[in-house]
Amino acid sequence: MGKIKDRKPDRGQIVKPHESKLVSDEDRRPKFSLRLLQQSHCVSCCTKEEKAALAEKMQTLSALPWKEIRKQDRHGLGYEKIASSSIRAGIPKEAKDKSIIAFRFSGMKPMVGFKEGATFYVLWLDRDFKLYKH
């Protein structure tokens, strides 16, 4: 077998990768994470209808950027802020010092968690309205 000859690099124009415009988190569409969902308020506790409503709500919200969601009614596609001091469950360390917010997912039942970047981390599904004072 013959040797592979070393090849000298071609000379030419230096090509740099395109610098995309930085997109703010408010312009991004939300991603949803169930990684931190607390066992006492989780999906397995939900009925089939509630599970379907949760999936539909996440799909609907995923089509809108955060800046549009922020403009929506808190009982519609929007959300409301919940004071951490009003939560009647242990707050995971990942959520400490974060703003707690709630979306409605099945009628008026809240899906409660926090936003980090463009991701919403669901911590609790408050099916029985006992997580905080409503």
Protein backbone atom coordinates (compact mmCIF):
# COMPACT_ATOMS: atom_id res chain seq x y z
CA MET A 1 0.00 0.00 0.00
CA GLY A 2 1.11 3.51 -0.77
CA LYS A 3 1.52 6.29 1.69
CA ILE A 4 -0.99 9.08 1.92
CA LYS A 5 0.74 12.26 0.96
CA ASP A 6 0.47 15.23 3.27
CA ARG A 7 -1.59 17.88 1.66
CA LYS A 8 -0.97 21.56 2.09
CA PRO A 9 -4.05 23.52 3.09
CA ASP A 10 -5.66 25.44 0.28
CA ARG A 11 -5.30 29.13 0.46
CA GLY A 12 -8.40 31.18 0.34
CA GLN A 13 -10.86 33.28 2.20
CA ILE A 14 -11.29 32.64 5.90
CA VAL A 15 -14.91 31.74 6.56
CA LYS A 16 -16.35 32.58 9.95
CA PRO A 17 -19.55 31.08 11.30
CA HIS A 18 -22.59 33.31 11.05
CA GLU A 19 -23.24 35.22 14.21
CA SER A 20 -26.91 34.76 14.91
CA LYS A 21 -28.74 37.52 16.69
CA LEU A 22 -29.09 36.76 20.35
CA VAL A 23 -32.67 35.95 21.15
CA SER A 24 -33.92 36.94 24.59
CA ASP A 25 -35.71 34.41 26.78
CA GLU A 26 -38.87 36.52 26.42
CA ASP A 27 -38.79 36.00 22.65
CA ARG A 28 -38.37 32.23 22.99
CA ARG A 29 -41.20 29.76 23.28
CA PRO A 30 -41.36 27.89 26.58
CA LYS A 31 -40.02 24.44 27.18
CA PHE A 32 -41.56 22.43 29.99
CA SER A 33 -39.68 20.21 32.41
CA LEU A 34 -41.21 17.69 34.80
CA ARG A 35 -37.79 16.74 36.20
CA LEU A 36 -38.45 18.53 39.52
CA LEU A 37 -42.12 17.56 39.85
CA GLN A 38 -42.82 16.69 43.48
CA GLN A 39 -44.24 13.22 44.14
CA SER A 40 -47.03 14.50 46.37
CA HIS A 41 -48.48 16.55 43.49
CA CYS A 42 -47.46 14.61 40.38
CA VAL A 43 -48.91 13.37 37.08
CA SER A 44 -49.61 9.87 38.38
CA CYS A 45 -52.15 11.42 40.79
CA CYS A 46 -54.09 12.92 37.85
CA THR A 47 -57.12 11.53 36.08
CA LYS A 48 -56.96 10.78 32.34
CA GLU A 49 -58.80 14.03 31.67
CA GLU A 50 -56.35 16.04 33.78
CA LYS A 51 -53.37 14.41 32.05
CA ALA A 52 -54.85 15.27 28.66
CA ALA A 53 -55.55 18.85 29.78
CA LEU A 54 -51.96 19.17 31.04
CA ALA A 55 -50.54 17.97 27.71
CA GLU A 56 -52.86 20.28 25.75
CA LYS A 57 -51.94 23.29 27.91
CA MET A 58 -48.22 22.63 27.45
CA GLN A 59 -48.67 22.24 23.69
CA THR A 60 -50.71 25.45 23.43
CA LEU A 61 -48.25 27.46 25.54
CA SER A 62 -45.29 26.05 23.58
CA ALA A 63 -46.59 27.81 20.47
CA LEU A 64 -46.34 31.28 22.06
CA PRO A 65 -43.26 33.26 23.07
CA TRP A 66 -42.98 34.17 26.74
CA LYS A 67 -43.62 37.85 25.98
CA GLU A 68 -47.06 36.91 24.57
CA ILE A 69 -47.85 34.57 27.47
CA ARG A 70 -47.03 37.41 29.88
CA LYS A 71 -49.80 39.51 28.29
CA GLN A 72 -52.49 36.84 28.69
CA ASP A 73 -55.11 36.59 31.44
CA ARG A 74 -53.90 34.63 34.49
CA HIS A 75 -56.86 32.26 34.26
CA GLY A 76 -56.44 31.76 30.51
CA LEU A 77 -53.08 31.26 28.82
CA GLY A 78 -51.28 33.55 31.23
CA TYR A 79 -49.92 32.94 34.69
CA GLU A 80 -49.91 34.49 38.12
CA LYS A 81 -47.12 34.93 40.64
CA ILE A 82 -47.45 33.03 43.89
CA ALA A 83 -45.65 34.19 47.04
CA SER A 84 -43.18 31.52 48.15
CA SER A 85 -44.31 32.10 51.73
CA SER A 86 -47.84 30.96 50.82
CA ILE A 87 -46.71 27.53 49.52
CA ARG A 88 -47.76 24.80 51.95
CA ALA A 89 -45.17 22.28 50.77
CA GLY A 90 -41.42 22.06 50.95
CA ILE A 91 -39.83 24.11 48.18
CA PRO A 92 -37.05 22.22 46.40
CA LYS A 93 -33.58 23.75 46.62
CA GLU A 94 -33.59 24.38 42.84
CA ALA A 95 -36.56 26.72 43.31
CA LYS A 96 -35.15 28.70 46.23
CA ASP A 97 -34.91 32.40 45.40
CA LYS A 98 -36.97 31.92 42.21
CA SER A 99 -40.30 33.54 41.42
CA ILE A 100 -43.03 30.92 41.76
CA ILE A 101 -45.71 31.12 39.07
CA ALA A 102 -48.88 29.16 38.29
CA PHE A 103 -50.60 28.32 35.02
CA ARG A 104 -54.10 26.83 34.92
CA PHE A 105 -54.15 23.43 33.22
CA SER A 106 -57.47 21.69 33.86
CA GLY A 107 -60.25 24.17 34.46
CA MET A 108 -58.84 26.30 37.24
CA LYS A 109 -56.34 23.72 38.60
CA PRO A 110 -52.86 25.24 38.89
CA MET A 111 -49.63 23.89 37.48
CA VAL A 112 -47.08 25.57 39.77
CA GLY A 113 -43.36 26.01 39.25
CA PHE A 114 -40.70 28.46 38.18
CA LYS A 115 -39.20 29.86 35.01
CA GLU A 116 -35.48 29.65 34.39
CA GLY A 117 -34.37 30.96 31.02
CA ALA A 118 -37.06 29.82 28.61
CA THR A 119 -37.82 26.65 30.60
CA PHE A 120 -40.75 26.28 32.99
CA TYR A 121 -40.03 23.71 35.70
CA VAL A 122 -43.26 22.20 36.98
CA LEU A 123 -43.03 21.53 40.72
CA TRP A 124 -46.63 20.82 41.68
CA LEU A 125 -49.97 20.02 40.07
CA ASP A 126 -52.42 21.48 42.59
CA ARG A 127 -55.46 19.34 41.73
CA ASP A 128 -57.18 19.79 45.10
CA PHE A 129 -56.33 23.49 45.60
CA LYS A 130 -54.44 22.85 48.85
CA LEU A 131 -50.91 23.88 47.82
CA TYR A 132 -51.50 27.58 48.56
CA LYS A 133 -54.37 29.86 49.52
CA HIS A 134 -56.47 30.61 46.44
